């Protein structure tokens, strides 16, 4: 599991991105790049990471399910993800 501080930092970034989205769009439309630079760095959407909703892991993230490959495998084997079955051939 990821450190709690990293998960909290990600949530703060998500709040900032949401808070400044409208202002950022206006500044981009006007071409005011100096104004964009004055906004907080963490308000940029490119600074967000995809994190597992369960463990906070960044690597091995499945966007469709919102979780890492490790958690996905465990939940799929337990039958907690609808429509996912273990393949056999």
PDB file of N, CA and C in Angstrom:
ATOM      1  N   UNK A   1       0.834  -1.180   0.000  1.00  0.00           N
ATOM      2  CA  UNK A   1       0.000   0.000   0.000  1.00  0.00           C
ATOM      3  C   UNK A   1       0.878   1.243   0.000  1.00  0.00           C
ATOM      4  N   UNK A   2       0.433   2.253  -0.737  1.00  0.00           N
ATOM      5  CA  UNK A   2       1.193   3.498  -0.828  1.00  0.00           C
ATOM      6  C   UNK A   2       1.152   4.237   0.500  1.00  0.00           C
ATOM      7  N   UNK A   3       2.127   5.095   0.703  1.00  0.00           N
ATOM      8  CA  UNK A   3       2.146   5.884   1.923  1.00  0.00           C
ATOM      9  C   UNK A   3       0.917   6.778   1.985  1.00  0.00           C
ATOM     10  N   UNK A   4       0.401   6.978   3.177  1.00  0.00           N
ATOM     11  CA  UNK A   4      -0.800   7.801   3.359  1.00  0.00           C
ATOM     12  C   UNK A   4      -0.559   9.230   2.886  1.00  0.00           C
ATOM     13  N   UNK A   5       0.658   9.719   3.061  1.00  0.00           N
ATOM     14  CA  UNK A   5       0.970  11.089   2.657  1.00  0.00           C
ATOM     15  C   UNK A   5       0.854  11.264   1.148  1.00  0.00           C
ATOM     16  N   UNK A   6       1.254  10.248   0.379  1.00  0.00           N
ATOM     17  CA  UNK A   6       1.167  10.335  -1.077  1.00  0.00           C
ATOM     18  C   UNK A   6      -0.283  10.323  -1.541  1.00  0.00           C
ATOM     19  N   UNK A   7      -1.105   9.529  -0.870  1.00  0.00           N
ATOM     20  CA  UNK A   7      -2.518   9.475  -1.219  1.00  0.00           C
ATOM     21  C   UNK A   7      -3.184  10.813  -0.891  1.00  0.00           C
ATOM     22  N   UNK A   8      -2.837  11.394   0.249  1.00  0.00           N
ATOM     23  CA  UNK A   8      -3.397  12.683   0.652  1.00  0.00           C
ATOM     24  C   UNK A   8      -2.947  13.790  -0.298  1.00  0.00           C
ATOM     25  N   UNK A   9      -1.686  13.738  -0.723  1.00  0.00           N
ATOM     26  CA  UNK A   9      -1.165  14.736  -1.665  1.00  0.00           C
ATOM     27  C   UNK A   9      -1.913  14.668  -2.985  1.00  0.00           C
ATOM     28  N   UNK A  10      -2.216  13.452  -3.433  1.00  0.00           N
ATOM     29  CA  UNK A  10      -2.964  13.267  -4.673  1.00  0.00           C
ATOM     30  C   UNK A  10      -4.371  13.861  -4.545  1.00  0.00           C
ATOM     31  N   UNK A  11      -5.006  13.663  -3.404  1.00  0.00           N
ATOM     32  CA  UNK A  11      -6.358  14.205  -3.198  1.00  0.00           C
ATOM     33  C   UNK A  11      -6.329  15.730  -3.178  1.00  0.00           C
ATOM     34  N   UNK A  12      -5.288  16.311  -2.588  1.00  0.00           N
ATOM     35  CA  UNK A  12      -5.144  17.775  -2.593  1.00  0.00           C
ATOM     36  C   UNK A  12      -4.986  18.290  -4.017  1.00  0.00           C
ATOM     37  N   UNK A  13      -4.192  17.590  -4.812  1.00  0.00           N
ATOM     38  CA  UNK A  13      -4.006  17.983  -6.213  1.00  0.00           C
ATOM     39  C   UNK A  13      -5.319  17.912  -6.976  1.00  0.00           C
ATOM     40  N   UNK A  14      -6.093  16.860  -6.740  1.00  0.00           N
ATOM     41  CA  UNK A  14      -7.379  16.729  -7.424  1.00  0.00           C
ATOM     42  C   UNK A  14      -8.307  17.886  -7.082  1.00  0.00           C
ATOM     43  N   UNK A  15      -8.314  18.290  -5.808  1.00  0.00           N
ATOM     44  CA  UNK A  15      -9.144  19.435  -5.399  1.00  0.00           C
ATOM     45  C   UNK A  15      -8.681  20.714  -6.078  1.00  0.00           C
ATOM     46  N   UNK A  16      -7.362  20.926  -6.145  1.00  0.00           N
ATOM     47  CA  UNK A  16      -6.822  22.131  -6.778  1.00  0.00           C
ATOM     48  C   UNK A  16      -7.129  22.162  -8.270  1.00  0.00           C
ATOM     49  N   UNK A  17      -7.011  21.027  -8.941  1.00  0.00           N
ATOM     50  CA  UNK A  17      -7.305  20.962 -10.374  1.00  0.00           C
ATOM     51  C   UNK A  17      -8.759  21.349 -10.609  1.00  0.00           C
ATOM     52  N   UNK A  18      -9.648  20.815  -9.778  1.00  0.00           N
ATOM     53  CA  UNK A  18     -11.067  21.126  -9.913  1.00  0.00           C
ATOM     54  C   UNK A  18     -11.350  22.599  -9.614  1.00  0.00           C
ATOM     55  N   UNK A  19     -10.677  23.123  -8.613  1.00  0.00           N
ATOM     56  CA  UNK A  19     -10.895  24.512  -8.189  1.00  0.00           C
ATOM     57  C   UNK A  19     -10.455  25.506  -9.265  1.00  0.00           C
ATOM     58  N   UNK A  20      -9.336  25.241  -9.913  1.00  0.00           N
ATOM     59  CA  UNK A  20      -8.760  26.192 -10.870  1.00  0.00           C
ATOM     60  C   UNK A  20      -9.072  25.859 -12.328  1.00  0.00           C
ATOM     61  N   UNK A  21      -9.878  24.857 -12.594  1.00  0.00           N
ATOM     62  CA  UNK A  21     -10.137  24.428 -13.979  1.00  0.00           C
ATOM     63  C   UNK A  21     -10.754  25.550 -14.809  1.00  0.00           C
ATOM     64  N   UNK A  22     -11.735  26.240 -14.251  1.00  0.00           N
ATOM     65  CA  UNK A  22     -12.427  27.286 -14.994  1.00  0.00           C
ATOM     66  C   UNK A  22     -11.481  28.455 -15.292  1.00  0.00           C
ATOM     67  N   UNK A  23     -10.736  28.868 -14.280  1.00  0.00           N
ATOM     68  CA  UNK A  23      -9.801  29.988 -14.446  1.00  0.00           C
ATOM     69  C   UNK A  23      -8.702  29.630 -15.449  1.00  0.00           C
ATOM     70  N   UNK A  24      -8.226  28.390 -15.354  1.00  0.00           N
ATOM     71  CA  UNK A  24      -7.177  27.922 -16.265  1.00  0.00           C
ATOM     72  C   UNK A  24      -7.671  27.934 -17.713  1.00  0.00           C
ATOM     73  N   UNK A  25      -8.914  27.511 -17.923  1.00  0.00           N
ATOM     74  CA  UNK A  25      -9.479  27.495 -19.270  1.00  0.00           C
ATOM     75  C   UNK A  25      -9.611  28.911 -19.822  1.00  0.00           C
ATOM     76  N   UNK A  26     -10.038  29.857 -18.985  1.00  0.00           N
ATOM     77  CA  UNK A  26     -10.165  31.256 -19.418  1.00  0.00           C
ATOM     78  C   UNK A  26      -8.808  31.833 -19.801  1.00  0.00           C
ATOM     79  N   UNK A  27      -7.802  31.583 -18.977  1.00  0.00           N
ATOM     80  CA  UNK A  27      -6.466  32.115 -19.259  1.00  0.00           C
ATOM     81  C   UNK A  27      -5.902  31.522 -20.542  1.00  0.00           C
ATOM     82  N   UNK A  28      -6.145  30.228 -20.763  1.00  0.00           N
ATOM     83  CA  UNK A  28      -5.666  29.592 -21.992  1.00  0.00           C
ATOM     84  C   UNK A  28      -6.359  30.184 -23.211  1.00  0.00           C
ATOM     85  N   UNK A  29      -7.671  30.413 -23.090  1.00  0.00           N
ATOM     86  CA  UNK A  29      -8.424  30.965 -24.216  1.00  0.00           C
ATOM     87  C   UNK A  29      -7.949  32.374 -24.561  1.00  0.00           C
ATOM     88  N   UNK A  30      -7.580  33.147 -23.551  1.00  0.00           N
ATOM     89  CA  UNK A  30      -7.097  34.514 -23.768  1.00  0.00           C
ATOM     90  C   UNK A  30      -5.627  34.559 -24.168  1.00  0.00           C
ATOM     91  N   UNK A  31      -4.925  33.448 -24.004  1.00  0.00           N
ATOM     92  CA  UNK A  31      -3.503  33.412 -24.333  1.00  0.00           C
ATOM     93  C   UNK A  31      -2.635  34.082 -23.284  1.00  0.00           C
ATOM     94  N   UNK A  32      -3.145  34.193 -22.060  1.00  0.00           N
ATOM     95  CA  UNK A  32      -2.414  34.842 -20.966  1.00  0.00           C
ATOM     96  C   UNK A  32      -1.538  33.807 -20.259  1.00  0.00           C
ATOM     97  N   UNK A  33      -0.339  33.592 -20.813  1.00  0.00           N
ATOM     98  CA  UNK A  33       0.536  32.556 -20.259  1.00  0.00           C
ATOM     99  C   UNK A  33       1.234  33.012 -18.989  1.00  0.00           C
ATOM    100  N   UNK A  34       1.386  34.304 -18.795  1.00  0.00           N
ATOM    101  CA  UNK A  34       1.952  34.804 -17.531  1.00  0.00           C
ATOM    102  C   UNK A  34       0.980  34.549 -16.389  1.00  0.00           C
ATOM    103  N   UNK A  35      -0.293  34.730 -16.673  1.00  0.00           N
ATOM    104  CA  UNK A  35      -1.308  34.448 -15.661  1.00  0.00           C
ATOM    105  C   UNK A  35      -1.355  32.968 -15.323  1.00  0.00           C
ATOM    106  N   UNK A  36      -1.160  32.133 -16.325  1.00  0.00           N
ATOM    107  CA  UNK A  36      -1.131  30.686 -16.090  1.00  0.00           C
ATOM    108  C   UNK A  36       0.026  30.298 -15.180  1.00  0.00           C
ATOM    109  N   UNK A  37       1.159  30.966 -15.373  1.00  0.00           N
ATOM    110  CA  UNK A  37       2.334  30.635 -14.559  1.00  0.00           C
ATOM    111  C   UNK A  37       2.151  31.051 -13.107  1.00  0.00           C
ATOM    112  N   UNK A  38       1.269  32.003 -12.852  1.00  0.00           N
ATOM    113  CA  UNK A  38       1.044  32.459 -11.481  1.00  0.00           C
ATOM    114  C   UNK A  38       0.121  31.533 -10.699  1.00  0.00           C
ATOM    115  N   UNK A  39      -0.589  30.652 -11.404  1.00  0.00           N
ATOM    116  CA  UNK A  39      -1.441  29.681 -10.719  1.00  0.00           C
ATOM    117  C   UNK A  39      -0.563  28.655 -10.001  1.00  0.00           C
ATOM    118  N   UNK A  40      -1.105  27.988  -8.981  1.00  0.00           N
ATOM    119  CA  UNK A  40      -0.324  26.953  -8.294  1.00  0.00           C
ATOM    120  C   UNK A  40       0.060  25.819  -9.243  1.00  0.00           C
ATOM    121  N   UNK A  41       1.244  25.290  -9.058  1.00  0.00           N
ATOM    122  CA  UNK A  41       1.716  24.206  -9.927  1.00  0.00           C
ATOM    123  C   UNK A  41       0.808  22.996  -9.871  1.00  0.00           C
ATOM    124  N   UNK A  42       0.346  22.678  -8.671  1.00  0.00           N
ATOM    125  CA  UNK A  42      -0.467  21.473  -8.513  1.00  0.00           C
ATOM    126  C   UNK A  42      -1.878  21.637  -9.060  1.00  0.00           C
ATOM    127  N   UNK A  43      -2.206  22.808  -9.603  1.00  0.00           N
ATOM    128  CA  UNK A  43      -3.530  22.978 -10.201  1.00  0.00           C
ATOM    129  C   UNK A  43      -3.537  22.536 -11.660  1.00  0.00           C
ATOM    130  N   UNK A  44      -2.396  22.103 -12.155  1.00  0.00           N
ATOM    131  CA  UNK A  44      -2.310  21.614 -13.530  1.00  0.00           C
ATOM    132  C   UNK A  44      -2.746  20.152 -13.594  1.00  0.00           C
ATOM    133  N   UNK A  45      -3.639  19.810 -14.518  1.00  0.00           N
ATOM    134  CA  UNK A  45      -4.104  18.418 -14.601  1.00  0.00           C
ATOM    135  C   UNK A  45      -3.007  17.422 -14.951  1.00  0.00           C
ATOM    136  N   UNK A  46      -1.937  17.878 -15.560  1.00  0.00           N
ATOM    137  CA  UNK A  46      -0.873  16.956 -15.942  1.00  0.00           C
ATOM    138  C   UNK A  46      -0.065  16.467 -14.740  1.00  0.00           C
ATOM    139  N   UNK A  47      -0.270  17.076 -13.574  1.00  0.00           N
ATOM    140  CA  UNK A  47       0.451  16.636 -12.375  1.00  0.00           C
ATOM    141  C   UNK A  47      -0.292  15.541 -11.617  1.00  0.00           C
ATOM    142  N   UNK A  48      -1.472  15.160 -12.093  1.00  0.00           N
ATOM    143  CA  UNK A  48      -2.228  14.086 -11.454  1.00  0.00           C
ATOM    144  C   UNK A  48      -1.700  12.733 -11.912  1.00  0.00           C
ATOM    145  N   UNK A  49      -1.746  11.768 -11.010  1.00  0.00           N
ATOM    146  CA  UNK A  49      -1.386  10.391 -11.334  1.00  0.00           C
ATOM    147  C   UNK A  49      -2.620   9.523 -11.222  1.00  0.00           C
ATOM    148  N   UNK A  50      -2.662   8.458 -11.997  1.00  0.00           N
ATOM    149  CA  UNK A  50      -3.712   7.466 -11.805  1.00  0.00           C
ATOM    150  C   UNK A  50      -3.299   6.599 -10.634  1.00  0.00           C
ATOM    151  N   UNK A  51      -4.140   6.544  -9.605  1.00  0.00           N
ATOM    152  CA  UNK A  51      -3.843   5.743  -8.422  1.00  0.00           C
ATOM    153  C   UNK A  51      -4.946   4.739  -8.177  1.00  0.00           C
ATOM    154  N   UNK A  52      -4.553   3.583  -7.677  1.00  0.00           N
ATOM    155  CA  UNK A  52      -5.509   2.547  -7.308  1.00  0.00           C
ATOM    156  C   UNK A  52      -6.432   3.081  -6.217  1.00  0.00           C
ATOM    157  N   UNK A  53      -7.734   2.845  -6.371  1.00  0.00           N
ATOM    158  CA  UNK A  53      -8.699   3.323  -5.381  1.00  0.00           C
ATOM    159  C   UNK A  53      -8.595   2.564  -4.063  1.00  0.00           C
ATOM    160  N   UNK A  54      -8.049   1.369  -4.102  1.00  0.00           N
ATOM    161  CA  UNK A  54      -7.976   0.541  -2.906  1.00  0.00           C
ATOM    162  C   UNK A  54      -6.661   0.753  -2.162  1.00  0.00           C
ATOM    163  N   UNK A  55      -5.537   0.631  -2.875  1.00  0.00           N
ATOM    164  CA  UNK A  55      -4.232   0.664  -2.217  1.00  0.00           C
ATOM    165  C   UNK A  55      -3.459   1.956  -2.441  1.00  0.00           C
ATOM    166  N   UNK A  56      -3.803   2.723  -3.459  1.00  0.00           N
ATOM    167  CA  UNK A  56      -3.062   3.942  -3.758  1.00  0.00           C
ATOM    168  C   UNK A  56      -1.852   3.702  -4.639  1.00  0.00           C
ATOM    169  N   UNK A  57      -1.699   2.491  -5.142  1.00  0.00           N
ATOM    170  CA  UNK A  57      -0.554   2.153  -5.989  1.00  0.00           C
ATOM    171  C   UNK A  57      -0.653   2.871  -7.336  1.00  0.00           C
ATOM    172  N   UNK A  58       0.496   3.383  -7.835  1.00  0.00           N
ATOM    173  CA  UNK A  58       0.523   4.124  -9.090  1.00  0.00           C
ATOM    174  C   UNK A  58       0.793   3.198 -10.270  1.00  0.00           C
ATOM    175  N   UNK A  59       1.696   2.269 -10.096  1.00  0.00           N
ATOM    176  CA  UNK A  59       2.086   1.405 -11.206  1.00  0.00           C
ATOM    177  C   UNK A  59       1.096   0.272 -11.398  1.00  0.00           C
ATOM    178  N   UNK A  60       0.981  -0.181 -12.637  1.00  0.00           N
ATOM    179  CA  UNK A  60       0.102  -1.300 -12.940  1.00  0.00           C
ATOM    180  C   UNK A  60      -1.361  -0.946 -12.756  1.00  0.00           C
ATOM    181  N   UNK A  61      -1.752   0.253 -13.159  1.00  0.00           N
ATOM    182  CA  UNK A  61      -3.107   0.758 -12.959  1.00  0.00           C
ATOM    183  C   UNK A  61      -3.973   0.423 -14.165  1.00  0.00           C
ATOM    184  N   UNK A  62      -5.136  -0.196 -13.930  1.00  0.00           N
ATOM    185  CA  UNK A  62      -6.109  -0.463 -14.990  1.00  0.00           C
ATOM    186  C   UNK A  62      -7.157   0.625 -14.942  1.00  0.00           C
ATOM    187  N   UNK A  63      -7.157   1.482 -15.951  1.00  0.00           N
ATOM    188  CA  UNK A  63      -8.048   2.628 -15.985  1.00  0.00           C
ATOM    189  C   UNK A  63      -9.521   2.209 -15.993  1.00  0.00           C
ATOM    190  N   UNK A  64      -9.811   1.134 -16.715  1.00  0.00           N
ATOM    191  CA  UNK A  64     -11.205   0.685 -16.846  1.00  0.00           C
ATOM    192  C   UNK A  64     -11.810   0.308 -15.492  1.00  0.00           C
ATOM    193  N   UNK A  65     -10.995  -0.241 -14.615  1.00  0.00           N
ATOM    194  CA  UNK A  65     -11.489  -0.702 -13.324  1.00  0.00           C
ATOM    195  C   UNK A  65     -11.110   0.227 -12.174  1.00  0.00           C
ATOM    196  N   UNK A  66     -10.159   1.123 -12.383  1.00  0.00           N
ATOM    197  CA  UNK A  66      -9.761   2.068 -11.343  1.00  0.00           C
ATOM    198  C   UNK A  66      -8.952   1.445 -10.229  1.00  0.00           C
ATOM    199  N   UNK A  67      -8.234   0.377 -10.536  1.00  0.00           N
ATOM    200  CA  UNK A  67      -7.431  -0.280  -9.517  1.00  0.00           C
ATOM    201  C   UNK A  67      -6.168  -0.871 -10.131  1.00  0.00           C
ATOM    202  N   UNK A  68      -5.241  -1.244  -9.267  1.00  0.00           N
ATOM    203  CA  UNK A  68      -3.982  -1.804  -9.750  1.00  0.00           C
ATOM    204  C   UNK A  68      -4.180  -3.261 -10.141  1.00  0.00           C
ATOM    205  N   UNK A  69      -3.224  -3.791 -10.856  1.00  0.00           N
ATOM    206  CA  UNK A  69      -3.312  -5.159 -11.351  1.00  0.00           C
ATOM    207  C   UNK A  69      -3.362  -6.170 -10.211  1.00  0.00           C
ATOM    208  N   UNK A  70      -2.694  -5.860  -9.112  1.00  0.00           N
ATOM    209  CA  UNK A  70      -2.649  -6.795  -7.990  1.00  0.00           C
ATOM    210  C   UNK A  70      -4.007  -6.896  -7.305  1.00  0.00           C
ATOM    211  N   UNK A  71      -4.622  -5.755  -7.054  1.00  0.00           N
ATOM    212  CA  UNK A  71      -5.933  -5.736  -6.420  1.00  0.00           C
ATOM    213  C   UNK A  71      -6.975  -6.321  -7.371  1.00  0.00           C
ATOM    214  N   UNK A  72      -6.819  -5.999  -8.659  1.00  0.00           N
ATOM    215  CA  UNK A  72      -7.746  -6.529  -9.663  1.00  0.00           C
ATOM    216  C   UNK A  72      -7.733  -8.046  -9.653  1.00  0.00           C
ATOM    217  N   UNK A  73      -6.545  -8.628  -9.624  1.00  0.00           N
ATOM    218  CA  UNK A  73      -6.428 -10.091  -9.647  1.00  0.00           C
ATOM    219  C   UNK A  73      -7.089 -10.710  -8.422  1.00  0.00           C
ATOM    220  N   UNK A  74      -6.820 -10.137  -7.249  1.00  0.00           N
ATOM    221  CA  UNK A  74      -7.406 -10.674  -6.019  1.00  0.00           C
ATOM    222  C   UNK A  74      -8.926 -10.594  -6.044  1.00  0.00           C
ATOM    223  N   UNK A  75      -9.452  -9.453  -6.453  1.00  0.00           N
ATOM    224  CA  UNK A  75     -10.903  -9.268  -6.470  1.00  0.00           C
ATOM    225  C   UNK A  75     -11.563 -10.128  -7.543  1.00  0.00           C
ATOM    226  N   UNK A  76     -10.880 -10.306  -8.677  1.00  0.00           N
ATOM    227  CA  UNK A  76     -11.431 -11.143  -9.742  1.00  0.00           C
ATOM    228  C   UNK A  76     -11.491 -12.602  -9.297  1.00  0.00           C
ATOM    229  N   UNK A  77     -10.471 -13.069  -8.609  1.00  0.00           N
ATOM    230  CA  UNK A  77     -10.465 -14.446  -8.134  1.00  0.00           C
ATOM    231  C   UNK A  77     -11.532 -14.671  -7.067  1.00  0.00           C
ATOM    232  N   UNK A  78     -11.841 -13.636  -6.299  1.00  0.00           N
ATOM    233  CA  UNK A  78     -12.887 -13.745  -5.272  1.00  0.00           C
ATOM    234  C   UNK A  78     -14.281 -13.552  -5.860  1.00  0.00           C
ATOM    235  N   UNK A  79     -14.346 -13.166  -7.139  1.00  0.00           N
ATOM    236  CA  UNK A  79     -15.632 -12.974  -7.793  1.00  0.00           C
ATOM    237  C   UNK A  79     -16.297 -11.656  -7.452  1.00  0.00           C
ATOM    238  N   UNK A  80     -15.530 -10.650  -7.035  1.00  0.00           N
ATOM    239  CA  UNK A  80     -16.092  -9.364  -6.630  1.00  0.00           C
ATOM    240  C   UNK A  80     -16.220  -8.372  -7.777  1.00  0.00           C
ATOM    241  N   UNK A  81     -15.691  -8.731  -8.957  1.00  0.00           N
ATOM    242  CA  UNK A  81     -15.799  -7.839 -10.113  1.00  0.00           C
ATOM    243  C   UNK A  81     -16.770  -8.490 -11.095  1.00  0.00           C
ATOM    244  N   UNK A  82     -17.941  -7.874 -11.315  1.00  0.00           N
ATOM    245  CA  UNK A  82     -18.917  -8.492 -12.203  1.00  0.00           C
ATOM    246  C   UNK A  82     -18.424  -8.575 -13.643  1.00  0.00           C
ATOM    247  N   UNK A  83     -18.699  -9.690 -14.280  1.00  0.00           N
ATOM    248  CA  UNK A  83     -18.336  -9.878 -15.678  1.00  0.00           C
ATOM    249  C   UNK A  83     -16.936 -10.378 -15.913  1.00  0.00           C
ATOM    250  N   UNK A  84     -16.140 -10.533 -14.861  1.00  0.00           N
ATOM    251  CA  UNK A  84     -14.766 -10.994 -15.010  1.00  0.00           C
ATOM    252  C   UNK A  84     -14.684 -12.411 -14.461  1.00  0.00           C
ATOM    253  N   UNK A  85     -14.239 -13.334 -15.328  1.00  0.00           N
ATOM    254  CA  UNK A  85     -14.077 -14.717 -14.895  1.00  0.00           C
ATOM    255  C   UNK A  85     -12.676 -15.191 -15.249  1.00  0.00           C
ATOM    256  N   UNK A  86     -12.228 -16.176 -14.532  1.00  0.00           N
ATOM    257  CA  UNK A  86     -10.915 -16.748 -14.812  1.00  0.00           C
ATOM    258  C   UNK A  86     -10.988 -17.563 -16.091  1.00  0.00           C
ATOM    259  N   UNK A  87     -10.060 -17.289 -16.974  1.00  0.00           N
ATOM    260  CA  UNK A  87     -10.102 -17.989 -18.262  1.00  0.00           C
ATOM    261  C   UNK A  87      -9.499 -19.377 -18.117  1.00  0.00           C
ATOM    262  N   UNK A  88     -10.004 -20.286 -18.943  1.00  0.00           N
ATOM    263  CA  UNK A  88      -9.433 -21.633 -18.993  1.00  0.00           C
ATOM    264  C   UNK A  88      -9.562 -22.134 -20.421  1.00  0.00           C
ATOM    265  N   UNK A  89      -8.550 -22.857 -20.890  1.00  0.00           N
ATOM    266  CA  UNK A  89      -8.579 -23.396 -22.247  1.00  0.00           C
ATOM    267  C   UNK A  89      -7.857 -24.695 -22.323  1.00  0.00           C
TER     268      UNK A  89
END
